[in-house]
Amino acid sequence: MIERRKYLDKLIRKKENGMVKVITGIRRCGKSFLLFEIYHRYLNSIGVDENHIIELALDDDENIRYRNPLELGKYIRSLITDKEKMYYIFLDEIQKVADIQNPYLDGTEYKIGFVDVVLGLMKIKNADIYVTGSNSKMLSSDILTEFRGRGDEIRVNPLSYSEYCSAYNGDKRNAWNEYCTYGGMPLVLMQKTHEDKARYLKELFDKIYLDDIMARNKFLYDKSVLEDLLNIISSSIGSLTNPHKLSNTFASVKGQKIDEQTIAKYLDYFADAFIVYKAQRYDVKGRKYIGSPVKYYFSDIGLRNARLNFRQQEENHIMENIIFNELLIRDFNVDVGIVEQNYRDKNGKSKRRHLEVDFVASKSSQKYYIQSALTVSDENKRQQETNSLIRINDSFKKIVVVKDSIIPWHDDYGILYVGIESFLLDESAMEL
């Protein structure tokens, strides 16, 4: 069993804090297992009785009746019979609970949904509530606001490389290549062959993710456009793009006219389902966000590869995506950095250009500037990778992560060079 210790520790810290714990993340990334197995076992280990742990999987067809918010509230209350000891209530895939119109006695109508049920249950003094969901729009900052400042989000991701290695049964020398190919969806580890792993990842898209998006947005009538857009952004992870560019790509490559507003909406749907994450551009010297274009990264690199039938295996883009995800797992806010450089061309004319920092990772008072590079063994390549970093005049740490297995070292500018596996397996490597 993969312990998912980082997430378990968060749940333990937030236990009985008077807030509803909102556990979000892409479907099949391990949210239910975290709650129903790992956290459940922890509660048992500290003496919580089984009948004080109430679990309800709302995506199970046996529990369809409880997708009615009134039935759900009534059922949970019927199980809370002890007025003294704490009850721990786990509601899995809460977004399955439908909004219903409920008439007042005077004939007027009001809408009731899962937020109302949870707010009602929170009034029970000996109830500690945990909900999971796979759609960020339904479990977003807007919903947390509706919980009146009493919602606490815990974002669960597919397996980090460290978690993946802890459960990997093959030759550890192959772990990195397998992770780069198949990613960190937990059940991938249970599949034996390439065919089985590929089929599983493709079926997640075909039978779960895309169907969920279609079901939630009933006016969508053309699934093929969704699939084509996914394929396009899969082919260009880590590249700057925007709806205008993507609209032009559809016109030139597919011969289809898809307007920018439609593409922007579809991209939001992917982000809402946690399939992709969006990284904004940040002007390091100007300390401001630039706006469009942006970069998109997949929440799981195996899902990205499956979209392309494992044809485009560019190590540099895959490694960059994995580093991005790792920084999110470590609770950093991650942006794409821009450093403006003024220079003179060969004719002496004053010019200006933008140099890119792959990632600006921020958390409270911490900040790191990080470059992803396959290698810096060539001096010209090293200078190219560090050109932006040496022009940042603050004192925050600057790191170049390389694919090679190297002994970490610092150059004359204080820039740290570290191998990718050391970076991923040891969080303290960022402080060397």
Protein backbone atom coordinates (compact mmCIF):
# COMPACT_ATOMS: atom_id res chain seq x y z
CA MET A 1 0.00 0.00 0.00
CA ILE A 2 1.34 3.43 -0.96
CA GLU A 3 0.96 5.56 2.15
CA ARG A 4 0.62 8.97 0.46
CA ARG A 5 2.20 10.35 3.62
CA LYS A 6 2.15 13.99 2.54
CA TYR A 7 -1.63 13.96 2.14
CA LEU A 8 -2.21 11.86 5.25
CA ASP A 9 -0.23 14.38 7.30
CA LYS A 10 -2.39 17.18 5.94
CA LEU A 11 -5.56 15.35 6.92
CA ILE A 12 -4.18 14.68 10.39
CA ARG A 13 -3.25 18.35 10.86
CA LYS A 14 -6.73 19.46 9.74
CA LYS A 15 -8.60 16.84 11.78
CA GLU A 16 -11.47 18.33 13.83
CA ASN A 17 -10.49 21.89 12.87
CA GLY A 18 -14.11 22.99 12.51
CA MET A 19 -13.87 23.16 8.72
CA VAL A 20 -15.04 20.86 5.94
CA LYS A 21 -12.03 19.17 4.34
CA VAL A 22 -12.45 19.43 0.55
CA ILE A 23 -10.25 16.81 -1.18
CA THR A 24 -9.88 17.49 -4.90
CA GLY A 25 -7.97 16.01 -7.82
CA ILE A 26 -8.32 14.19 -11.12
CA ARG A 27 -10.42 11.02 -11.04
CA ARG A 28 -8.49 7.81 -10.29
CA CYS A 29 -5.57 9.64 -8.67
CA GLY A 30 -6.21 8.04 -5.27
CA LYS A 31 -8.55 10.44 -3.41
CA SER A 32 -10.99 7.72 -2.34
CA PHE A 33 -8.20 5.36 -1.30
CA LEU A 34 -6.59 8.13 0.73
CA LEU A 35 -9.81 8.74 2.62
CA PHE A 36 -11.46 5.31 2.83
CA GLU A 37 -8.33 3.25 3.40
CA ILE A 38 -5.31 5.27 4.55
CA TYR A 39 -7.05 7.87 6.70
CA HIS A 40 -9.63 5.33 7.88
CA ARG A 41 -6.81 3.08 9.15
CA TYR A 42 -5.20 6.05 10.89
CA LEU A 43 -8.46 6.84 12.71
CA ASN A 44 -8.75 3.20 13.77
CA SER A 45 -5.15 3.31 15.04
CA ILE A 46 -5.97 6.19 17.41
CA GLY A 47 -9.02 4.43 18.79
CA VAL A 48 -11.92 5.68 16.66
CA ASP A 49 -14.74 3.09 16.54
CA GLU A 50 -15.89 1.79 13.16
CA ASN A 51 -19.45 3.00 13.75
CA HIS A 52 -18.13 6.53 14.18
CA ILE A 53 -16.69 6.57 10.65
CA ILE A 54 -19.47 7.17 8.12
CA GLU A 55 -18.48 6.53 4.48
CA LEU A 56 -20.58 7.09 1.38
CA ALA A 57 -19.33 6.71 -2.21
CA LEU A 58 -21.74 8.81 -4.25
CA ASP A 59 -20.45 7.52 -7.60
CA ASP A 60 -21.60 4.00 -6.62
CA ASP A 61 -24.91 3.05 -8.24
CA GLU A 62 -26.04 1.52 -4.95
CA ASN A 63 -26.05 5.04 -3.47
CA ILE A 64 -27.93 6.85 -6.24
CA ARG A 65 -30.78 7.79 -3.91
CA TYR A 66 -28.35 9.84 -1.81
CA ARG A 67 -27.53 12.06 -4.77
CA ASN A 68 -30.76 13.76 -3.71
CA PRO A 69 -29.48 16.32 -1.17
CA LEU A 70 -32.50 15.91 1.10
CA GLU A 71 -32.06 12.12 1.22
CA LEU A 72 -28.33 12.53 1.84
CA GLY A 73 -28.79 14.85 4.80
CA LYS A 74 -31.48 12.64 6.31
CA TYR A 75 -29.37 9.49 5.93
CA ILE A 76 -26.22 10.94 7.51
CA ARG A 77 -28.17 12.34 10.48
CA SER A 78 -29.80 8.95 11.07
CA LEU A 79 -26.34 7.44 11.67
CA ILE A 80 -25.25 10.01 14.24
CA THR A 81 -26.76 8.48 17.36
CA ASP A 82 -24.02 9.16 19.91
CA LYS A 83 -24.13 12.79 21.04
CA GLU A 84 -20.77 12.72 22.82
CA LYS A 85 -18.10 11.14 20.59
CA MET A 86 -16.92 12.58 17.29
CA TYR A 87 -18.19 11.18 13.98
CA TYR A 88 -16.01 11.33 10.86
CA ILE A 89 -18.11 11.70 7.72
CA PHE A 90 -16.56 10.81 4.33
CA LEU A 91 -18.60 11.80 1.25
CA ASP A 92 -16.85 10.65 -1.92
CA GLU A 93 -17.47 12.40 -5.29
CA ILE A 94 -19.79 14.98 -3.72
CA GLN A 95 -20.37 16.68 -7.08
CA LYS A 96 -22.66 13.74 -7.93
CA VAL A 97 -25.27 15.26 -5.60
CA ALA A 98 -27.80 17.04 -7.81
CA ASP A 99 -29.28 20.48 -7.25
CA ILE A 100 -33.04 20.24 -6.80
CA GLN A 101 -35.84 22.77 -6.75
CA ASN A 102 -37.78 22.47 -3.50
CA PRO A 103 -41.07 24.37 -3.13
CA TYR A 104 -41.90 26.36 -0.01
CA LEU A 105 -45.39 26.01 1.39
CA ASP A 106 -46.31 29.36 -0.19
CA GLY A 107 -45.43 28.06 -3.63
CA THR A 108 -42.13 29.88 -4.11
CA GLU A 109 -39.10 27.77 -5.00
CA TYR A 110 -35.52 27.62 -3.89
CA LYS A 111 -32.58 25.47 -4.96
CA ILE A 112 -30.82 23.07 -2.61
CA GLY A 113 -27.59 21.21 -3.33
CA PHE A 114 -24.59 19.58 -1.68
CA VAL A 115 -23.31 22.88 -0.23
CA ASP A 116 -26.54 23.26 1.73
CA VAL A 117 -26.29 19.67 3.00
CA VAL A 118 -22.69 20.12 4.12
CA LEU A 119 -23.45 23.46 5.82
CA GLY A 120 -26.30 21.76 7.64
CA LEU A 121 -24.13 18.84 8.79
CA MET A 122 -21.46 21.27 9.99
CA LYS A 123 -23.91 22.50 12.62
CA ILE A 124 -23.65 19.11 14.31
CA LYS A 125 -21.00 19.67 16.99
CA ASN A 126 -19.60 16.14 16.91
CA ALA A 127 -19.32 15.84 13.12
CA ASP A 128 -16.00 16.17 11.28
CA ILE A 129 -16.72 16.32 7.54
CA TYR A 130 -14.58 15.31 4.56
CA VAL A 131 -15.72 15.49 0.92
CA THR A 132 -13.94 14.57 -2.31
CA GLY A 133 -14.60 15.76 -5.83
CA SER A 134 -13.13 15.58 -9.31
CA ASN A 135 -14.32 18.88 -10.74
CA SER A 136 -12.66 22.13 -9.70
CA LYS A 137 -15.57 24.32 -10.79
CA MET A 138 -17.88 22.52 -8.38
CA LEU A 139 -15.24 22.41 -5.66
CA SER A 140 -13.49 25.69 -6.35
CA SER A 141 -12.77 28.86 -4.43
CA ASP A 142 -16.38 29.89 -5.14
CA ILE A 143 -17.68 26.79 -3.36
CA LEU A 144 -15.21 27.26 -0.52
CA THR A 145 -16.57 30.79 -0.19
CA GLU A 146 -20.07 29.36 0.03
CA PHE A 147 -18.85 27.32 2.98
CA ARG A 148 -18.49 30.76 4.64
CA GLY A 149 -14.79 30.53 5.22
CA ARG A 150 -15.09 27.04 6.70
CA GLY A 151 -13.80 25.05 3.71
CA ASP A 152 -10.23 23.73 3.61
CA GLU A 153 -8.98 22.32 0.28
CA ILE A 154 -6.48 19.47 -0.01
CA ARG A 155 -5.34 18.88 -3.61
CA VAL A 156 -4.36 15.27 -4.35
CA ASN A 157 -2.15 14.56 -7.37
CA PRO A 158 -1.16 11.36 -9.18
CA LEU A 159 1.85 9.64 -7.62
CA SER A 160 4.99 11.70 -7.30
CA TYR A 161 8.19 10.06 -8.50
CA SER A 162 9.14 9.35 -4.89
CA GLU A 163 5.80 7.65 -4.20
CA TYR A 164 6.05 5.75 -7.48
CA CYS A 165 9.53 4.43 -6.61
CA SER A 166 8.34 3.32 -3.17
CA ALA A 167 5.91 0.90 -4.83
CA TYR A 168 7.84 0.02 -7.98
CA ASN A 169 8.63 -3.70 -8.08
CA GLY A 170 10.93 -3.82 -11.09
CA ASP A 171 14.60 -3.01 -11.49
CA LYS A 172 14.98 0.44 -9.91
CA ARG A 173 17.20 1.47 -12.81
CA ASN A 174 14.12 1.31 -15.03
CA ALA A 175 11.85 3.30 -12.71
CA TRP A 176 12.60 6.70 -14.24
CA ASN A 177 11.98 5.56 -17.83
CA GLU A 178 8.73 3.85 -16.84
CA TYR A 179 7.54 6.91 -14.90
CA CYS A 180 8.36 9.17 -17.87
CA THR A 181 6.34 6.86 -20.10
CA TYR A 182 3.35 5.77 -18.01
CA GLY A 183 3.17 8.45 -15.30
CA GLY A 184 1.85 8.11 -11.78
CA MET A 185 -1.80 7.07 -11.90
CA PRO A 186 -1.81 4.53 -9.03
CA LEU A 187 -3.42 1.62 -10.91
CA VAL A 188 -0.80 1.83 -13.66
CA LEU A 189 1.54 0.08 -11.22
CA MET A 190 -0.84 -2.90 -11.22
CA GLN A 191 -0.59 -3.38 -14.99
CA LYS A 192 2.10 -5.77 -16.23
CA THR A 193 2.65 -5.07 -19.93
CA HIS A 194 2.93 -2.00 -22.13
CA GLU A 195 -0.33 -2.97 -23.82
CA ASP A 196 -2.15 -3.18 -20.46
CA LYS A 197 -0.79 0.15 -19.25
CA ALA A 198 -1.53 1.90 -22.53
CA ARG A 199 -5.07 0.50 -22.63
CA TYR A 200 -5.77 1.57 -19.05
CA LEU A 201 -4.59 5.15 -19.63
CA LYS A 202 -6.49 5.49 -22.90
CA GLU A 203 -9.67 4.16 -21.31
CA LEU A 204 -9.42 6.78 -18.56
CA PHE A 205 -9.76 9.41 -21.26
CA ASP A 206 -12.36 7.67 -23.39
CA LYS A 207 -14.64 6.26 -20.68
CA ILE A 208 -14.20 8.68 -17.78
CA TYR A 209 -12.63 12.09 -18.37
CA LEU A 210 -14.12 13.08 -21.72
CA ASP A 211 -17.49 11.52 -20.92
CA ASP A 212 -17.56 13.42 -17.62
CA ILE A 213 -16.87 16.69 -19.42
CA MET A 214 -19.60 15.96 -21.97
CA ALA A 215 -22.08 15.06 -19.22
CA ARG A 216 -21.36 18.18 -17.18
CA ASN A 217 -21.62 20.46 -20.20
CA LYS A 218 -24.66 19.09 -21.95
CA PHE A 219 -24.58 21.63 -24.77
CA LEU A 220 -21.35 20.05 -26.02
CA TYR A 221 -22.25 17.98 -29.04
CA ASP A 222 -18.93 17.27 -30.74
CA LYS A 223 -16.57 15.11 -28.69
CA SER A 224 -14.10 15.00 -31.57
CA VAL A 225 -13.24 18.69 -31.11
CA LEU A 226 -12.43 18.04 -27.45
CA GLU A 227 -10.21 15.13 -28.48
CA ASP A 228 -8.46 17.12 -31.20
CA LEU A 229 -7.76 19.98 -28.80
CA LEU A 230 -6.36 17.55 -26.24
CA ASN A 231 -4.08 16.07 -28.88
CA ILE A 232 -2.84 19.51 -29.90
CA ILE A 233 -1.93 20.61 -26.39
CA SER A 234 -0.46 17.15 -25.71
CA SER A 235 1.91 17.75 -28.59
CA SER A 236 2.97 21.13 -27.26
CA ILE A 237 3.38 20.80 -23.48
CA GLY A 238 5.66 23.50 -22.18
CA SER A 239 5.09 25.72 -25.22
CA LEU A 240 3.48 29.15 -25.05
CA THR A 241 0.00 29.19 -26.51
CA ASN A 242 -3.40 30.86 -26.33
CA PRO A 243 -6.87 30.36 -27.84
CA HIS A 244 -5.95 32.50 -30.88
CA LYS A 245 -2.97 30.31 -31.75
CA LEU A 246 -4.97 27.15 -31.18
CA SER A 247 -7.79 28.43 -33.37
CA ASN A 248 -5.28 29.00 -36.16
CA THR A 249 -3.90 25.48 -35.64
CA PHE A 250 -7.39 24.00 -36.09
CA ALA A 251 -7.82 26.01 -39.28
CA SER A 252 -4.46 25.06 -40.80
CA VAL A 253 -4.11 21.45 -39.63
CA LYS A 254 -7.69 20.22 -39.25
CA GLY A 255 -9.39 22.52 -41.75
CA GLN A 256 -11.93 23.45 -39.05
CA LYS A 257 -13.02 26.91 -37.95
CA ILE A 258 -13.25 26.82 -34.14
CA ASP A 259 -13.62 30.27 -32.60
CA GLU A 260 -11.33 31.44 -29.80
CA GLN A 261 -14.12 31.66 -27.21
CA THR A 262 -15.03 28.00 -27.76
CA ILE A 263 -11.40 26.92 -27.41
CA ALA A 264 -10.98 29.00 -24.24
CA LYS A 265 -14.07 27.30 -22.79
CA TYR A 266 -12.82 23.82 -23.68
CA LEU A 267 -9.43 24.55 -22.09
CA ASP A 268 -11.25 25.59 -18.93
CA TYR A 269 -13.13 22.29 -18.98
CA PHE A 270 -9.83 20.37 -19.07
CA ALA A 271 -8.51 22.43 -16.18
CA ASP A 272 -11.75 22.00 -14.21
CA ALA A 273 -11.35 18.21 -14.54
CA PHE A 274 -7.69 18.51 -13.40
CA ILE A 275 -6.49 17.01 -16.68
CA VAL A 276 -4.20 19.98 -17.30
CA TYR A 277 -2.75 22.83 -15.27
CA LYS A 278 -2.17 26.33 -16.58
CA ALA A 279 1.05 28.23 -15.86
CA GLN A 280 0.94 32.00 -16.17
CA ARG A 281 3.88 34.16 -17.28
CA TYR A 282 5.47 36.32 -14.60
CA ASP A 283 7.81 39.27 -15.19
CA VAL A 284 10.52 38.66 -12.59
CA LYS A 285 12.01 42.17 -12.63
CA GLY A 286 8.70 43.98 -13.04
CA ARG A 287 7.03 41.71 -10.48
CA LYS A 288 3.82 41.43 -12.45
CA TYR A 289 1.87 38.88 -14.47
CA ILE A 290 1.98 39.34 -18.22
CA GLY A 291 -1.11 37.41 -19.30
CA SER A 292 -1.48 35.60 -22.64
CA PRO A 293 0.13 33.45 -23.93
CA VAL A 294 0.40 30.76 -21.21
CA LYS A 295 1.71 27.21 -20.88
CA TYR A 296 -0.25 24.04 -20.22
CA TYR A 297 1.09 20.97 -18.44
CA PHE A 298 -0.62 17.61 -17.90
CA SER A 299 -1.39 16.59 -14.33
CA ASP A 300 -0.03 13.17 -15.27
CA ILE A 301 2.57 12.64 -17.97
CA GLY A 302 1.33 9.10 -18.69
CA LEU A 303 -2.09 10.48 -19.64
CA ARG A 304 -0.39 12.93 -21.99
CA ASN A 305 1.67 10.17 -23.61
CA ALA A 306 -1.38 7.95 -24.01
CA ARG A 307 -3.19 10.72 -25.90
CA LEU A 308 -0.37 10.59 -28.46
CA ASN A 309 -0.16 6.78 -28.54
CA PHE A 310 3.31 7.09 -26.95
CA ARG A 311 4.73 8.49 -30.19
CA GLN A 312 6.18 11.83 -29.02
CA GLN A 313 8.62 11.00 -26.22
CA GLU A 314 10.67 14.21 -26.09
CA GLU A 315 12.68 13.89 -22.91
CA ASN A 316 13.09 17.63 -22.39
CA HIS A 317 9.34 18.40 -22.44
CA ILE A 318 8.44 15.34 -20.38
CA MET A 319 11.05 16.18 -17.75
CA GLU A 320 9.82 19.78 -17.61
CA ASN A 321 6.24 18.59 -17.07
CA ILE A 322 7.33 16.24 -14.27
CA ILE A 323 9.25 19.03 -12.49
CA PHE A 324 6.20 21.30 -12.76
CA ASN A 325 3.99 18.64 -11.17
CA GLU A 326 6.53 17.97 -8.43
CA LEU A 327 6.59 21.63 -7.46
CA LEU A 328 2.79 21.64 -7.23
CA ILE A 329 2.92 18.52 -5.06
CA ARG A 330 5.31 20.39 -2.77
CA ASP A 331 2.66 23.12 -2.44
CA PHE A 332 4.45 25.78 -4.47
CA ASN A 333 2.67 28.31 -6.65
CA VAL A 334 4.35 27.84 -10.02
CA ASP A 335 4.67 30.42 -12.81
CA VAL A 336 6.74 30.72 -15.97
CA GLY A 337 9.36 33.43 -15.44
CA ILE A 338 10.27 36.17 -17.90
CA VAL A 339 13.45 38.26 -17.56
CA GLU A 340 13.75 41.30 -19.82
CA GLN A 341 17.17 41.91 -21.35
CA ASN A 342 18.27 45.12 -23.04
CA TYR A 343 21.14 44.76 -25.51
CA ARG A 344 22.62 46.24 -28.68
CA ASP A 345 22.66 44.39 -32.00
CA LYS A 346 25.66 44.24 -34.35
CA ASN A 347 24.64 47.63 -35.76
CA GLY A 348 24.62 49.23 -32.32
CA LYS A 349 20.84 49.50 -32.19
CA SER A 350 19.20 49.15 -28.79
CA LYS A 351 17.09 45.98 -28.59
CA ARG A 352 14.97 44.23 -26.00
CA ARG A 353 14.15 40.58 -25.61
CA HIS A 354 12.56 38.21 -23.10
CA LEU A 355 14.58 35.41 -21.56
CA GLU A 356 12.65 32.56 -20.00
CA VAL A 357 12.95 30.97 -16.59
CA ASP A 358 11.16 27.62 -16.77
CA PHE A 359 9.63 27.95 -13.30
CA VAL A 360 9.27 30.55 -10.59
CA ALA A 361 8.21 28.52 -7.54
CA SER A 362 6.85 30.48 -4.57
CA LYS A 363 5.56 29.44 -1.15
CA SER A 364 5.11 31.98 1.67
CA SER A 365 8.54 33.66 1.97
CA GLN A 366 10.31 31.05 -0.18
CA LYS A 367 11.09 31.53 -3.84
CA TYR A 368 13.12 29.45 -6.31
CA TYR A 369 14.06 30.02 -9.95
CA ILE A 370 14.34 26.66 -11.70
CA GLN A 371 15.55 25.63 -15.14
CA SER A 372 15.00 22.15 -16.62
CA ALA A 373 17.83 20.97 -18.89
CA LEU A 374 18.71 17.55 -20.28
CA THR A 375 22.41 18.33 -19.90
CA VAL A 376 24.85 21.19 -19.27
CA SER A 377 27.97 19.21 -20.14
CA ASP A 378 28.64 21.61 -23.01
CA GLU A 379 29.70 25.10 -21.83
CA ASN A 380 27.64 26.86 -24.49
CA LYS A 381 24.57 24.89 -23.45
CA ARG A 382 25.19 25.73 -19.79
CA GLN A 383 25.44 29.44 -20.56
CA GLN A 384 22.27 29.25 -22.61
CA GLU A 385 20.37 27.62 -19.73
CA THR A 386 21.64 30.12 -17.14
CA ASN A 387 21.41 33.27 -19.25
CA SER A 388 18.14 34.29 -17.62
CA LEU A 389 19.12 33.21 -14.11
CA ILE A 390 22.26 35.34 -13.87
CA ARG A 391 20.21 38.43 -14.75
CA ILE A 392 17.96 38.06 -11.72
CA ASN A 393 19.34 40.35 -9.06
CA ASP A 394 17.57 39.09 -5.95
CA SER A 395 18.97 36.61 -3.44
CA PHE A 396 16.52 33.73 -3.97
CA LYS A 397 17.90 30.32 -4.91
CA LYS A 398 18.56 29.50 -8.56
CA ILE A 399 18.60 25.85 -9.65
CA VAL A 400 19.30 23.97 -12.86
CA VAL A 401 17.85 20.43 -12.87
CA VAL A 402 19.57 18.10 -15.34
CA LYS A 403 18.70 14.59 -16.50
CA ASP A 404 22.23 13.31 -15.81
CA SER A 405 23.05 11.71 -12.49
CA ILE A 406 25.55 14.20 -11.06
CA ILE A 407 27.03 15.21 -7.75
CA PRO A 408 25.30 18.53 -6.95
CA TRP A 409 27.54 21.56 -7.44
CA HIS A 410 27.42 25.38 -7.58
CA ASP A 411 28.91 27.63 -10.24
CA ASP A 412 30.50 31.07 -9.71
CA TYR A 413 27.08 32.72 -9.72
CA GLY A 414 25.86 30.48 -6.90
CA ILE A 415 23.55 28.52 -9.23
CA LEU A 416 22.92 24.96 -8.02
CA TYR A 417 23.12 22.06 -10.50
CA VAL A 418 21.37 18.86 -9.44
CA GLY A 419 20.26 15.64 -11.16
CA ILE A 420 16.56 15.04 -11.78
CA GLU A 421 16.25 11.93 -9.62
CA SER A 422 17.99 13.58 -6.67
CA PHE A 423 15.70 16.58 -7.08
CA LEU A 424 12.56 14.42 -7.14
CA LEU A 425 13.49 11.94 -4.44
CA ASP A 426 14.86 14.38 -1.86
CA GLU A 427 13.05 17.66 -1.15
CA SER A 428 16.07 18.93 0.75
CA ALA A 429 18.08 18.82 -2.51
CA MET A 430 16.69 22.29 -3.26
CA GLU A 431 18.61 23.61 -0.25
CA LEU A 432 22.04 22.21 -1.09
